């Protein structure tokens, strides 16, 4: 299991479309991927769960990955949340 705090640096924050993109990124991996903030932990592969977090740009969130490709999953989520991955 890997855990890391990542600061959200998306130009529009995490609204509906960026959340859908985040769910797509998380779903590419076999590992489980969770985001945790303010005591609330949700599955990053669940669009409804992610919407319930109501995250904003500049906030830090704990990312938790667990499974065979957990390091790749962590890297992919970090690249997306930090604005390094191209948004379509």
PDB file of N, CA and C in Angstrom:
ATOM      1  N   UNK A   1       0.844  -1.178   0.000  1.00  0.00           N
ATOM      2  CA  UNK A   1       0.000   0.000   0.000  1.00  0.00           C
ATOM      3  C   UNK A   1       0.892   1.244   0.000  1.00  0.00           C
ATOM      4  N   UNK A   2       0.505   2.225  -0.808  1.00  0.00           N
ATOM      5  CA  UNK A   2       1.222   3.494  -0.872  1.00  0.00           C
ATOM      6  C   UNK A   2       0.273   4.622  -0.500  1.00  0.00           C
ATOM      7  N   UNK A   3       0.800   5.610   0.222  1.00  0.00           N
ATOM      8  CA  UNK A   3       0.018   6.789   0.596  1.00  0.00           C
ATOM      9  C   UNK A   3       0.847   8.030   0.310  1.00  0.00           C
ATOM     10  N   UNK A   4       0.187   9.074  -0.174  1.00  0.00           N
ATOM     11  CA  UNK A   4       0.900  10.311  -0.474  1.00  0.00           C
ATOM     12  C   UNK A   4      -0.087  11.471  -0.475  1.00  0.00           C
ATOM     13  N   UNK A   5       0.332  12.601   0.092  1.00  0.00           N
ATOM     14  CA  UNK A   5      -0.481  13.812   0.017  1.00  0.00           C
ATOM     15  C   UNK A   5      -0.129  14.535  -1.272  1.00  0.00           C
ATOM     16  N   UNK A   6      -1.155  14.902  -2.031  1.00  0.00           N
ATOM     17  CA  UNK A   6      -0.967  15.573  -3.312  1.00  0.00           C
ATOM     18  C   UNK A   6      -1.816  16.841  -3.329  1.00  0.00           C
ATOM     19  N   UNK A   7      -1.203  17.923  -3.772  1.00  0.00           N
ATOM     20  CA  UNK A   7      -1.909  19.199  -3.878  1.00  0.00           C
ATOM     21  C   UNK A   7      -2.597  19.271  -5.241  1.00  0.00           C
ATOM     22  N   UNK A   8      -3.872  19.604  -5.238  1.00  0.00           N
ATOM     23  CA  UNK A   8      -4.645  19.704  -6.472  1.00  0.00           C
ATOM     24  C   UNK A   8      -4.273  21.005  -7.175  1.00  0.00           C
ATOM     25  N   UNK A   9      -3.817  20.879  -8.406  1.00  0.00           N
ATOM     26  CA  UNK A   9      -3.389  22.047  -9.175  1.00  0.00           C
ATOM     27  C   UNK A   9      -3.996  22.005 -10.569  1.00  0.00           C
ATOM     28  N   UNK A  10      -5.314  21.884 -10.617  1.00  0.00           N
ATOM     29  CA  UNK A  10      -6.030  21.904 -11.888  1.00  0.00           C
ATOM     30  C   UNK A  10      -6.633  23.283 -12.066  1.00  0.00           C
ATOM     31  N   UNK A  11      -6.540  23.818 -13.262  1.00  0.00           N
ATOM     32  CA  UNK A  11      -6.967  25.200 -13.498  1.00  0.00           C
ATOM     33  C   UNK A  11      -8.406  25.456 -13.072  1.00  0.00           C
ATOM     34  N   UNK A  12      -9.302  24.504 -13.275  1.00  0.00           N
ATOM     35  CA  UNK A  12     -10.700  24.719 -12.907  1.00  0.00           C
ATOM     36  C   UNK A  12     -11.110  24.014 -11.634  1.00  0.00           C
ATOM     37  N   UNK A  13     -10.168  23.455 -10.898  1.00  0.00           N
ATOM     38  CA  UNK A  13     -10.511  22.690  -9.709  1.00  0.00           C
ATOM     39  C   UNK A  13     -11.112  21.353 -10.105  1.00  0.00           C
ATOM     40  N   UNK A  14     -11.766  20.706  -9.172  1.00  0.00           N
ATOM     41  CA  UNK A  14     -12.360  19.395  -9.451  1.00  0.00           C
ATOM     42  C   UNK A  14     -13.874  19.516  -9.553  1.00  0.00           C
ATOM     43  N   UNK A  15     -14.323  19.957 -10.710  1.00  0.00           N
ATOM     44  CA  UNK A  15     -15.751  20.000 -11.007  1.00  0.00           C
ATOM     45  C   UNK A  15     -16.105  18.741 -11.773  1.00  0.00           C
ATOM     46  N   UNK A  16     -17.292  18.664 -12.338  1.00  0.00           N
ATOM     47  CA  UNK A  16     -17.791  17.428 -12.953  1.00  0.00           C
ATOM     48  C   UNK A  16     -16.862  16.833 -14.007  1.00  0.00           C
ATOM     49  N   UNK A  17     -16.436  17.618 -14.974  1.00  0.00           N
ATOM     50  CA  UNK A  17     -15.605  17.071 -16.051  1.00  0.00           C
ATOM     51  C   UNK A  17     -14.234  16.622 -15.545  1.00  0.00           C
ATOM     52  N   UNK A  18     -13.518  17.447 -14.772  1.00  0.00           N
ATOM     53  CA  UNK A  18     -12.228  16.971 -14.244  1.00  0.00           C
ATOM     54  C   UNK A  18     -12.372  15.754 -13.331  1.00  0.00           C
ATOM     55  N   UNK A  19     -13.472  15.659 -12.603  1.00  0.00           N
ATOM     56  CA  UNK A  19     -13.683  14.471 -11.760  1.00  0.00           C
ATOM     57  C   UNK A  19     -13.876  13.249 -12.636  1.00  0.00           C
ATOM     58  N   UNK A  20     -14.647  13.384 -13.711  1.00  0.00           N
ATOM     59  CA  UNK A  20     -14.839  12.258 -14.636  1.00  0.00           C
ATOM     60  C   UNK A  20     -13.502  11.815 -15.222  1.00  0.00           C
ATOM     61  N   UNK A  21     -12.640  12.780 -15.540  1.00  0.00           N
ATOM     62  CA  UNK A  21     -11.310  12.449 -16.055  1.00  0.00           C
ATOM     63  C   UNK A  21     -10.475  11.733 -15.000  1.00  0.00           C
ATOM     64  N   UNK A  22     -10.561  12.183 -13.750  1.00  0.00           N
ATOM     65  CA  UNK A  22      -9.825  11.544 -12.659  1.00  0.00           C
ATOM     66  C   UNK A  22     -10.289  10.097 -12.486  1.00  0.00           C
ATOM     67  N   UNK A  23     -11.592   9.864 -12.556  1.00  0.00           N
ATOM     68  CA  UNK A  23     -12.134   8.505 -12.442  1.00  0.00           C
ATOM     69  C   UNK A  23     -11.597   7.640 -13.589  1.00  0.00           C
ATOM     70  N   UNK A  24     -11.501   8.201 -14.792  1.00  0.00           N
ATOM     71  CA  UNK A  24     -10.945   7.461 -15.929  1.00  0.00           C
ATOM     72  C   UNK A  24      -9.482   7.108 -15.689  1.00  0.00           C
ATOM     73  N   UNK A  25      -8.716   8.055 -15.161  1.00  0.00           N
ATOM     74  CA  UNK A  25      -7.299   7.798 -14.864  1.00  0.00           C
ATOM     75  C   UNK A  25      -7.193   6.668 -13.834  1.00  0.00           C
ATOM     76  N   UNK A  26      -7.954   6.766 -12.741  1.00  0.00           N
ATOM     77  CA  UNK A  26      -7.897   5.752 -11.682  1.00  0.00           C
ATOM     78  C   UNK A  26      -8.320   4.379 -12.196  1.00  0.00           C
ATOM     79  N   UNK A  27      -9.298   4.363 -13.103  1.00  0.00           N
ATOM     80  CA  UNK A  27      -9.841   3.099 -13.607  1.00  0.00           C
ATOM     81  C   UNK A  27      -8.891   2.372 -14.552  1.00  0.00           C
ATOM     82  N   UNK A  28      -7.826   3.033 -14.989  1.00  0.00           N
ATOM     83  CA  UNK A  28      -6.843   2.387 -15.866  1.00  0.00           C
ATOM     84  C   UNK A  28      -6.003   1.365 -15.114  1.00  0.00           C
ATOM     85  N   UNK A  29      -6.037   1.408 -13.801  1.00  0.00           N
ATOM     86  CA  UNK A  29      -5.164   0.564 -12.987  1.00  0.00           C
ATOM     87  C   UNK A  29      -5.953  -0.536 -12.288  1.00  0.00           C
ATOM     88  N   UNK A  30      -5.283  -1.674 -12.096  1.00  0.00           N
ATOM     89  CA  UNK A  30      -5.898  -2.786 -11.379  1.00  0.00           C
ATOM     90  C   UNK A  30      -5.948  -2.520  -9.879  1.00  0.00           C
ATOM     91  N   UNK A  31      -5.016  -1.739  -9.378  1.00  0.00           N
ATOM     92  CA  UNK A  31      -4.942  -1.442  -7.943  1.00  0.00           C
ATOM     93  C   UNK A  31      -6.163  -0.655  -7.485  1.00  0.00           C
ATOM     94  N   UNK A  32      -6.465  -0.774  -6.197  1.00  0.00           N
ATOM     95  CA  UNK A  32      -7.497   0.082  -5.634  1.00  0.00           C
ATOM     96  C   UNK A  32      -6.895   1.467  -5.419  1.00  0.00           C
ATOM     97  N   UNK A  33      -7.707   2.494  -5.650  1.00  0.00           N
ATOM     98  CA  UNK A  33      -7.262   3.877  -5.519  1.00  0.00           C
ATOM     99  C   UNK A  33      -8.305   4.622  -4.704  1.00  0.00           C
ATOM    100  N   UNK A  34      -7.867   5.209  -3.598  1.00  0.00           N
ATOM    101  CA  UNK A  34      -8.770   5.975  -2.740  1.00  0.00           C
ATOM    102  C   UNK A  34      -8.220   7.374  -2.532  1.00  0.00           C
ATOM    103  N   UNK A  35      -9.122   8.339  -2.389  1.00  0.00           N
ATOM    104  CA  UNK A  35      -8.755   9.692  -1.999  1.00  0.00           C
ATOM    105  C   UNK A  35      -9.392   9.957  -0.646  1.00  0.00           C
ATOM    106  N   UNK A  36      -8.622  10.595   0.237  1.00  0.00           N
ATOM    107  CA  UNK A  36      -9.106  10.862   1.586  1.00  0.00           C
ATOM    108  C   UNK A  36      -8.842  12.320   1.939  1.00  0.00           C
ATOM    109  N   UNK A  37      -9.859  12.972   2.498  1.00  0.00           N
ATOM    110  CA  UNK A  37      -9.731  14.335   2.981  1.00  0.00           C
ATOM    111  C   UNK A  37     -10.760  14.567   4.076  1.00  0.00           C
ATOM    112  N   UNK A  38     -10.360  15.307   5.080  1.00  0.00           N
ATOM    113  CA  UNK A  38     -11.239  15.644   6.203  1.00  0.00           C
ATOM    114  C   UNK A  38     -11.970  14.423   6.761  1.00  0.00           C
ATOM    115  N   UNK A  39     -11.252  13.305   6.885  1.00  0.00           N
ATOM    116  CA  UNK A  39     -11.820  12.100   7.472  1.00  0.00           C
ATOM    117  C   UNK A  39     -12.744  11.317   6.559  1.00  0.00           C
ATOM    118  N   UNK A  40     -12.910  11.746   5.326  1.00  0.00           N
ATOM    119  CA  UNK A  40     -13.783  11.056   4.380  1.00  0.00           C
ATOM    120  C   UNK A  40     -12.915  10.372   3.331  1.00  0.00           C
ATOM    121  N   UNK A  41     -13.120   9.068   3.132  1.00  0.00           N
ATOM    122  CA  UNK A  41     -12.318   8.276   2.202  1.00  0.00           C
ATOM    123  C   UNK A  41     -13.245   7.698   1.137  1.00  0.00           C
ATOM    124  N   UNK A  42     -12.928   7.958  -0.137  1.00  0.00           N
ATOM    125  CA  UNK A  42     -13.782   7.451  -1.209  1.00  0.00           C
ATOM    126  C   UNK A  42     -12.950   6.759  -2.287  1.00  0.00           C
ATOM    127  N   UNK A  43     -13.611   5.859  -2.986  1.00  0.00           N
ATOM    128  CA  UNK A  43     -13.007   5.133  -4.089  1.00  0.00           C
ATOM    129  C   UNK A  43     -12.857   6.096  -5.265  1.00  0.00           C
ATOM    130  N   UNK A  44     -11.645   6.281  -5.764  1.00  0.00           N
ATOM    131  CA  UNK A  44     -11.395   7.209  -6.870  1.00  0.00           C
ATOM    132  C   UNK A  44     -11.960   6.697  -8.185  1.00  0.00           C
ATOM    133  N   UNK A  45     -12.411   5.438  -8.216  1.00  0.00           N
ATOM    134  CA  UNK A  45     -13.015   4.884  -9.428  1.00  0.00           C
ATOM    135  C   UNK A  45     -14.526   5.084  -9.435  1.00  0.00           C
ATOM    136  N   UNK A  46     -15.054   5.731  -8.405  1.00  0.00           N
ATOM    137  CA  UNK A  46     -16.492   5.988  -8.284  1.00  0.00           C
ATOM    138  C   UNK A  46     -16.781   7.470  -8.510  1.00  0.00           C
ATOM    139  N   UNK A  47     -17.478   7.777  -9.586  1.00  0.00           N
ATOM    140  CA  UNK A  47     -17.751   9.182  -9.890  1.00  0.00           C
ATOM    141  C   UNK A  47     -18.628   9.821  -8.822  1.00  0.00           C
ATOM    142  N   UNK A  48     -19.595   9.081  -8.293  1.00  0.00           N
ATOM    143  CA  UNK A  48     -20.465   9.634  -7.250  1.00  0.00           C
ATOM    144  C   UNK A  48     -19.677   9.879  -5.965  1.00  0.00           C
ATOM    145  N   UNK A  49     -18.797   8.954  -5.627  1.00  0.00           N
ATOM    146  CA  UNK A  49     -17.960   9.137  -4.442  1.00  0.00           C
ATOM    147  C   UNK A  49     -17.061  10.346  -4.578  1.00  0.00           C
ATOM    148  N   UNK A  50     -16.464  10.493  -5.753  1.00  0.00           N
ATOM    149  CA  UNK A  50     -15.567  11.617  -5.983  1.00  0.00           C
ATOM    150  C   UNK A  50     -16.310  12.949  -5.945  1.00  0.00           C
ATOM    151  N   UNK A  51     -17.519  12.985  -6.487  1.00  0.00           N
ATOM    152  CA  UNK A  51     -18.317  14.216  -6.461  1.00  0.00           C
ATOM    153  C   UNK A  51     -18.623  14.616  -5.019  1.00  0.00           C
ATOM    154  N   UNK A  52     -18.776  13.630  -4.150  1.00  0.00           N
ATOM    155  CA  UNK A  52     -19.141  13.920  -2.757  1.00  0.00           C
ATOM    156  C   UNK A  52     -17.999  14.588  -1.979  1.00  0.00           C
ATOM    157  N   UNK A  53     -16.762  14.506  -2.469  1.00  0.00           N
ATOM    158  CA  UNK A  53     -15.640  15.116  -1.767  1.00  0.00           C
ATOM    159  C   UNK A  53     -15.607  16.638  -1.921  1.00  0.00           C
ATOM    160  N   UNK A  54     -16.144  17.154  -3.015  1.00  0.00           N
ATOM    161  CA  UNK A  54     -16.180  18.601  -3.274  1.00  0.00           C
ATOM    162  C   UNK A  54     -14.803  19.241  -3.071  1.00  0.00           C
ATOM    163  N   UNK A  55     -13.809  18.733  -3.763  1.00  0.00           N
ATOM    164  CA  UNK A  55     -12.439  19.231  -3.645  1.00  0.00           C
ATOM    165  C   UNK A  55     -12.240  20.489  -4.476  1.00  0.00           C
ATOM    166  N   UNK A  56     -11.383  21.376  -3.998  1.00  0.00           N
ATOM    167  CA  UNK A  56     -11.074  22.616  -4.696  1.00  0.00           C
ATOM    168  C   UNK A  56      -9.598  22.688  -5.055  1.00  0.00           C
ATOM    169  N   UNK A  57      -9.307  23.508  -6.035  1.00  0.00           N
ATOM    170  CA  UNK A  57      -7.932  23.762  -6.434  1.00  0.00           C
ATOM    171  C   UNK A  57      -7.134  24.291  -5.239  1.00  0.00           C
ATOM    172  N   UNK A  58      -5.916  23.816  -5.078  1.00  0.00           N
ATOM    173  CA  UNK A  58      -5.064  24.255  -3.984  1.00  0.00           C
ATOM    174  C   UNK A  58      -5.161  23.393  -2.740  1.00  0.00           C
ATOM    175  N   UNK A  59      -6.200  22.576  -2.629  1.00  0.00           N
ATOM    176  CA  UNK A  59      -6.344  21.671  -1.471  1.00  0.00           C
ATOM    177  C   UNK A  59      -5.382  20.498  -1.616  1.00  0.00           C
ATOM    178  N   UNK A  60      -4.996  19.935  -0.488  1.00  0.00           N
ATOM    179  CA  UNK A  60      -4.211  18.704  -0.487  1.00  0.00           C
ATOM    180  C   UNK A  60      -5.134  17.550  -0.142  1.00  0.00           C
ATOM    181  N   UNK A  61      -4.890  16.433  -0.792  1.00  0.00           N
ATOM    182  CA  UNK A  61      -5.695  15.246  -0.580  1.00  0.00           C
ATOM    183  C   UNK A  61      -4.746  14.061  -0.418  1.00  0.00           C
ATOM    184  N   UNK A  62      -5.109  13.119   0.448  1.00  0.00           N
ATOM    185  CA  UNK A  62      -4.297  11.913   0.594  1.00  0.00           C
ATOM    186  C   UNK A  62      -4.751  10.894  -0.444  1.00  0.00           C
ATOM    187  N   UNK A  63      -3.803  10.407  -1.227  1.00  0.00           N
ATOM    188  CA  UNK A  63      -4.073   9.374  -2.219  1.00  0.00           C
ATOM    189  C   UNK A  63      -3.523   8.067  -1.677  1.00  0.00           C
ATOM    190  N   UNK A  64      -4.355   7.029  -1.716  1.00  0.00           N
ATOM    191  CA  UNK A  64      -3.975   5.717  -1.204  1.00  0.00           C
ATOM    192  C   UNK A  64      -4.151   4.709  -2.335  1.00  0.00           C
ATOM    193  N   UNK A  65      -3.081   4.014  -2.679  1.00  0.00           N
ATOM    194  CA  UNK A  65      -3.157   2.979  -3.711  1.00  0.00           C
ATOM    195  C   UNK A  65      -2.709   1.655  -3.117  1.00  0.00           C
ATOM    196  N   UNK A  66      -3.317   0.586  -3.594  1.00  0.00           N
ATOM    197  CA  UNK A  66      -2.952  -0.740  -3.098  1.00  0.00           C
ATOM    198  C   UNK A  66      -3.200  -1.773  -4.188  1.00  0.00           C
ATOM    199  N   UNK A  67      -2.166  -2.549  -4.498  1.00  0.00           N
ATOM    200  CA  UNK A  67      -2.315  -3.597  -5.500  1.00  0.00           C
ATOM    201  C   UNK A  67      -1.052  -3.775  -6.309  1.00  0.00           C
ATOM    202  N   UNK A  68      -1.148  -4.607  -7.328  1.00  0.00           N
ATOM    203  CA  UNK A  68       0.019  -4.986  -8.133  1.00  0.00           C
ATOM    204  C   UNK A  68       0.672  -3.797  -8.833  1.00  0.00           C
ATOM    205  N   UNK A  69      -0.138  -2.829  -9.274  1.00  0.00           N
ATOM    206  CA  UNK A  69       0.424  -1.677  -9.993  1.00  0.00           C
ATOM    207  C   UNK A  69       0.238  -0.378  -9.203  1.00  0.00           C
ATOM    208  N   UNK A  70       0.332  -0.477  -7.871  1.00  0.00           N
ATOM    209  CA  UNK A  70       0.064   0.685  -7.011  1.00  0.00           C
ATOM    210  C   UNK A  70       1.006   1.856  -7.273  1.00  0.00           C
ATOM    211  N   UNK A  71       2.259   1.587  -7.591  1.00  0.00           N
ATOM    212  CA  UNK A  71       3.195   2.689  -7.861  1.00  0.00           C
ATOM    213  C   UNK A  71       2.820   3.419  -9.149  1.00  0.00           C
ATOM    214  N   UNK A  72       2.447   2.669 -10.180  1.00  0.00           N
ATOM    215  CA  UNK A  72       2.010   3.286 -11.434  1.00  0.00           C
ATOM    216  C   UNK A  72       0.720   4.076 -11.213  1.00  0.00           C
ATOM    217  N   UNK A  73      -0.183   3.523 -10.426  1.00  0.00           N
ATOM    218  CA  UNK A  73      -1.443   4.213 -10.130  1.00  0.00           C
ATOM    219  C   UNK A  73      -1.179   5.518  -9.389  1.00  0.00           C
ATOM    220  N   UNK A  74      -0.291   5.478  -8.417  1.00  0.00           N
ATOM    221  CA  UNK A  74       0.047   6.683  -7.656  1.00  0.00           C
ATOM    222  C   UNK A  74       0.637   7.746  -8.587  1.00  0.00           C
ATOM    223  N   UNK A  75       1.527   7.323  -9.446  1.00  0.00           N
ATOM    224  CA  UNK A  75       2.168   8.247 -10.377  1.00  0.00           C
ATOM    225  C   UNK A  75       1.130   8.868 -11.328  1.00  0.00           C
ATOM    226  N   UNK A  76       0.219   8.051 -11.840  1.00  0.00           N
ATOM    227  CA  UNK A  76      -0.805   8.543 -12.752  1.00  0.00           C
ATOM    228  C   UNK A  76      -1.743   9.541 -12.099  1.00  0.00           C
ATOM    229  N   UNK A  77      -2.168   9.251 -10.870  1.00  0.00           N
ATOM    230  CA  UNK A  77      -3.059  10.157 -10.143  1.00  0.00           C
ATOM    231  C   UNK A  77      -2.328  11.452  -9.810  1.00  0.00           C
ATOM    232  N   UNK A  78      -1.076  11.331  -9.390  1.00  0.00           N
ATOM    233  CA  UNK A  78      -0.299  12.525  -9.053  1.00  0.00           C
ATOM    234  C   UNK A  78      -0.103  13.416 -10.284  1.00  0.00           C
ATOM    235  N   UNK A  79       0.225  12.805 -11.409  1.00  0.00           N
ATOM    236  CA  UNK A  79       0.402  13.583 -12.643  1.00  0.00           C
ATOM    237  C   UNK A  79      -0.888  14.321 -12.997  1.00  0.00           C
ATOM    238  N   UNK A  80      -2.019  13.651 -12.860  1.00  0.00           N
ATOM    239  CA  UNK A  80      -3.293  14.296 -13.205  1.00  0.00           C
ATOM    240  C   UNK A  80      -3.625  15.432 -12.236  1.00  0.00           C
ATOM    241  N   UNK A  81      -3.587  15.145 -10.938  1.00  0.00           N
ATOM    242  CA  UNK A  81      -3.981  16.157  -9.949  1.00  0.00           C
ATOM    243  C   UNK A  81      -3.037  17.358  -9.921  1.00  0.00           C
ATOM    244  N   UNK A  82      -1.778  17.146 -10.240  1.00  0.00           N
ATOM    245  CA  UNK A  82      -0.820  18.245 -10.221  1.00  0.00           C
ATOM    246  C   UNK A  82      -0.805  19.028 -11.532  1.00  0.00           C
ATOM    247  N   UNK A  83      -1.658  18.635 -12.470  1.00  0.00           N
ATOM    248  CA  UNK A  83      -1.770  19.365 -13.720  1.00  0.00           C
ATOM    249  C   UNK A  83      -0.712  19.000 -14.741  1.00  0.00           C
ATOM    250  N   UNK A  84       0.069  17.943 -14.494  1.00  0.00           N
ATOM    251  CA  UNK A  84       1.141  17.543 -15.415  1.00  0.00           C
ATOM    252  C   UNK A  84       0.604  16.728 -16.589  1.00  0.00           C
ATOM    253  N   UNK A  85      -0.542  16.067 -16.389  1.00  0.00           N
ATOM    254  CA  UNK A  85      -1.115  15.222 -17.444  1.00  0.00           C
ATOM    255  C   UNK A  85      -2.062  16.074 -18.269  1.00  0.00           C
ATOM    256  N   UNK A  86      -1.973  15.916 -19.554  1.00  0.00           N
ATOM    257  CA  UNK A  86      -2.810  16.694 -20.488  1.00  0.00           C
ATOM    258  C   UNK A  86      -4.294  16.388 -20.267  1.00  0.00           C
ATOM    259  N   UNK A  87      -5.089  17.430 -20.171  1.00  0.00           N
ATOM    260  CA  UNK A  87      -6.540  17.285 -20.041  1.00  0.00           C
ATOM    261  C   UNK A  87      -7.168  17.506 -21.401  1.00  0.00           C
ATOM    262  N   UNK A  88      -7.993  16.572 -21.840  1.00  0.00           N
ATOM    263  CA  UNK A  88      -8.654  16.700 -23.148  1.00  0.00           C
ATOM    264  C   UNK A  88      -9.884  17.575 -23.054  1.00  0.00           C
TER     265      UNK A  88
END
